Amino acid sequence: MYMETCGDISEFVDFLKEDNFLLSNRDLMGLDEKHFKFKLLSIFELHSNYTVISETEIDDGYIDILLKNNVNSPSPAKYEWLIELKYVKKSNRKNLHKIREDGIDQARSYAQSRIINEGFKEDALKVVVITFLGKS
């Protein structure tokens, strides 16, 4: 994965955009953030050299997904990831900017936590917020 070697998430985001368009309107009924989270956890667990960690508890919340270098992998990752997820229903589009900004604030706060500072190298950690609006 490009995320592992180059620290660039854009290729993965493009994949998600294409993959999410396969969802039907019926699939979207009752859909929320945890459904996208389970999808991402499965993808990372099956198709990466990361140790995938979900809902790491820190002082002021829970990190949605941490991708930690799997040192036992034949090709260890150069970059590690802290991923905050946000899901916004299309009917709530007017709040997209606020929800995304809140996610950025959360991710920044999580990145400064003791657990992250002690367990991750600053120059190798990438911090991102992935925001889903409906199926996009």
Protein backbone atom coordinates (compact mmCIF):
# COMPACT_ATOMS: atom_id res chain seq x y z
CA MET A 1 0.00 0.00 0.00
CA TYR A 2 1.13 3.49 -0.81
CA MET A 3 0.21 4.57 2.71
CA GLU A 4 2.85 2.27 4.14
CA THR A 5 5.75 3.29 1.95
CA CYS A 6 5.11 6.92 0.96
CA GLY A 7 2.85 8.25 3.70
CA ASP A 8 0.23 9.29 1.16
CA ILE A 9 -3.42 8.40 1.75
CA SER A 10 -4.81 9.79 -1.52
CA GLU A 11 -4.68 6.44 -3.36
CA PHE A 12 -6.64 4.80 -0.54
CA VAL A 13 -9.21 7.62 -0.50
CA ASP A 14 -9.69 7.20 -4.26
CA PHE A 15 -10.28 3.48 -3.70
CA LEU A 16 -12.87 4.24 -1.00
CA LYS A 17 -14.70 6.69 -3.25
CA GLU A 18 -15.00 4.09 -6.00
CA ASP A 19 -15.90 1.29 -3.62
CA ASN A 20 -18.55 3.29 -1.77
CA PHE A 21 -20.40 4.05 -5.01
CA LEU A 22 -21.22 0.34 -5.17
CA LEU A 23 -23.54 0.87 -2.20
CA SER A 24 -27.21 1.10 -3.08
CA ASN A 25 -29.63 3.56 -1.52
CA ARG A 26 -31.05 0.61 0.41
CA ASP A 27 -27.56 -0.13 1.76
CA LEU A 28 -27.42 3.42 3.10
CA MET A 29 -30.55 2.95 5.23
CA GLY A 30 -29.44 2.88 8.86
CA LEU A 31 -25.79 3.29 7.87
CA ASP A 32 -23.54 5.14 10.29
CA GLU A 33 -19.89 5.69 11.13
CA LYS A 34 -19.33 2.27 12.71
CA HIS A 35 -20.28 0.52 9.46
CA PHE A 36 -17.57 2.39 7.58
CA LYS A 37 -15.18 1.71 10.43
CA PHE A 38 -15.74 -2.04 10.23
CA LYS A 39 -15.16 -1.87 6.50
CA LEU A 40 -11.86 -0.03 6.96
CA LEU A 41 -10.72 -2.34 9.75
CA SER A 42 -11.31 -5.34 7.48
CA ILE A 43 -9.48 -3.78 4.56
CA PHE A 44 -6.46 -2.83 6.65
CA GLU A 45 -6.35 -6.19 8.43
CA LEU A 46 -6.49 -8.14 5.18
CA HIS A 47 -4.43 -5.94 2.88
CA SER A 48 -1.69 -4.25 4.85
CA ASN A 49 1.41 -4.90 6.90
CA TYR A 50 -0.03 -2.97 9.84
CA THR A 51 -1.12 -4.03 13.25
CA VAL A 52 -4.65 -2.65 13.25
CA ILE A 53 -5.89 -1.21 16.54
CA SER A 54 -9.47 -0.07 17.07
CA GLU A 55 -10.79 2.34 19.71
CA THR A 56 -7.57 3.00 21.61
CA GLU A 57 -8.56 4.73 24.85
CA ILE A 58 -6.73 7.93 25.67
CA ASP A 59 -7.33 10.67 28.25
CA ASP A 60 -9.94 12.59 26.27
CA GLY A 61 -11.55 9.98 24.01
CA TYR A 62 -11.01 7.01 21.77
CA ILE A 63 -8.94 6.87 18.61
CA ASP A 64 -11.04 5.28 15.87
CA ILE A 65 -8.22 3.45 14.08
CA LEU A 66 -4.50 3.20 14.66
CA LEU A 67 -2.29 1.54 12.09
CA LYS A 68 0.93 0.56 13.83
CA ASN A 69 3.98 -0.83 12.11
CA ASN A 70 3.97 -4.62 12.32
CA VAL A 71 7.62 -5.31 13.11
CA ASN A 72 7.12 -9.01 12.29
CA SER A 73 6.08 -8.21 8.74
CA PRO A 74 8.48 -9.14 5.94
CA SER A 75 8.18 -5.54 4.69
CA PRO A 76 7.50 -3.23 7.65
CA ALA A 77 5.68 0.03 7.01
CA LYS A 78 7.62 3.28 6.98
CA TYR A 79 4.57 5.32 8.10
CA GLU A 80 1.98 4.74 10.79
CA TRP A 81 -1.50 6.25 10.92
CA LEU A 82 -3.97 7.74 13.36
CA ILE A 83 -7.34 7.81 11.64
CA GLU A 84 -10.41 9.64 12.88
CA LEU A 85 -13.64 8.82 11.05
CA LYS A 86 -16.69 10.99 10.57
CA TYR A 87 -19.92 10.06 8.81
CA VAL A 88 -22.48 12.64 7.75
CA LYS A 89 -25.82 11.73 6.20
CA LYS A 90 -26.60 13.68 3.05
CA SER A 91 -29.62 15.14 4.84
CA ASN A 92 -27.18 16.68 7.37
CA ARG A 93 -24.85 18.13 4.69
CA LYS A 94 -25.18 21.67 6.12
CA ASN A 95 -23.20 20.51 9.18
CA LEU A 96 -20.41 18.85 7.19
CA HIS A 97 -17.84 21.61 7.73
CA LYS A 98 -18.47 21.77 11.51
CA ILE A 99 -18.34 17.98 11.90
CA ARG A 100 -15.11 17.81 9.90
CA GLU A 101 -13.52 20.64 11.91
CA ASP A 102 -14.50 18.85 15.14
CA GLY A 103 -12.85 15.70 13.78
CA ILE A 104 -9.66 17.61 12.99
CA ASP A 105 -9.59 19.03 16.52
CA GLN A 106 -10.12 15.54 17.95
CA ALA A 107 -7.36 14.02 15.82
CA ARG A 108 -4.91 16.77 16.78
CA SER A 109 -5.70 16.26 20.45
CA TYR A 110 -5.31 12.49 20.16
CA ALA A 111 -1.98 12.89 18.37
CA GLN A 112 -0.66 14.83 21.38
CA SER A 113 -1.68 12.17 23.92
CA ARG A 114 0.87 10.34 26.05
CA ILE A 115 0.10 6.99 24.41
CA ILE A 116 0.85 8.36 20.96
CA ASN A 117 3.92 10.33 22.04
CA GLU A 118 5.40 7.28 23.77
CA GLY A 119 4.44 4.66 21.20
CA PHE A 120 4.90 6.35 17.83
CA LYS A 121 7.71 8.22 16.13
CA GLU A 122 6.59 11.78 15.38
CA ASP A 123 8.17 11.86 11.91
CA ALA A 124 6.53 8.54 10.93
CA LEU A 125 3.01 9.22 12.24
CA LYS A 126 0.37 10.53 9.85
CA VAL A 127 -2.84 11.93 11.30
CA VAL A 128 -5.96 12.09 9.13
CA VAL A 129 -9.70 12.57 9.30
CA ILE A 130 -11.69 10.58 6.77
CA THR A 131 -15.14 12.03 6.31
CA PHE A 132 -17.93 10.18 4.55
CA LEU A 133 -20.88 12.16 3.22
CA GLY A 134 -23.50 9.57 2.39
CA LYS A 135 -21.69 7.09 0.21
CA SER A 136 -19.08 9.60 -0.98
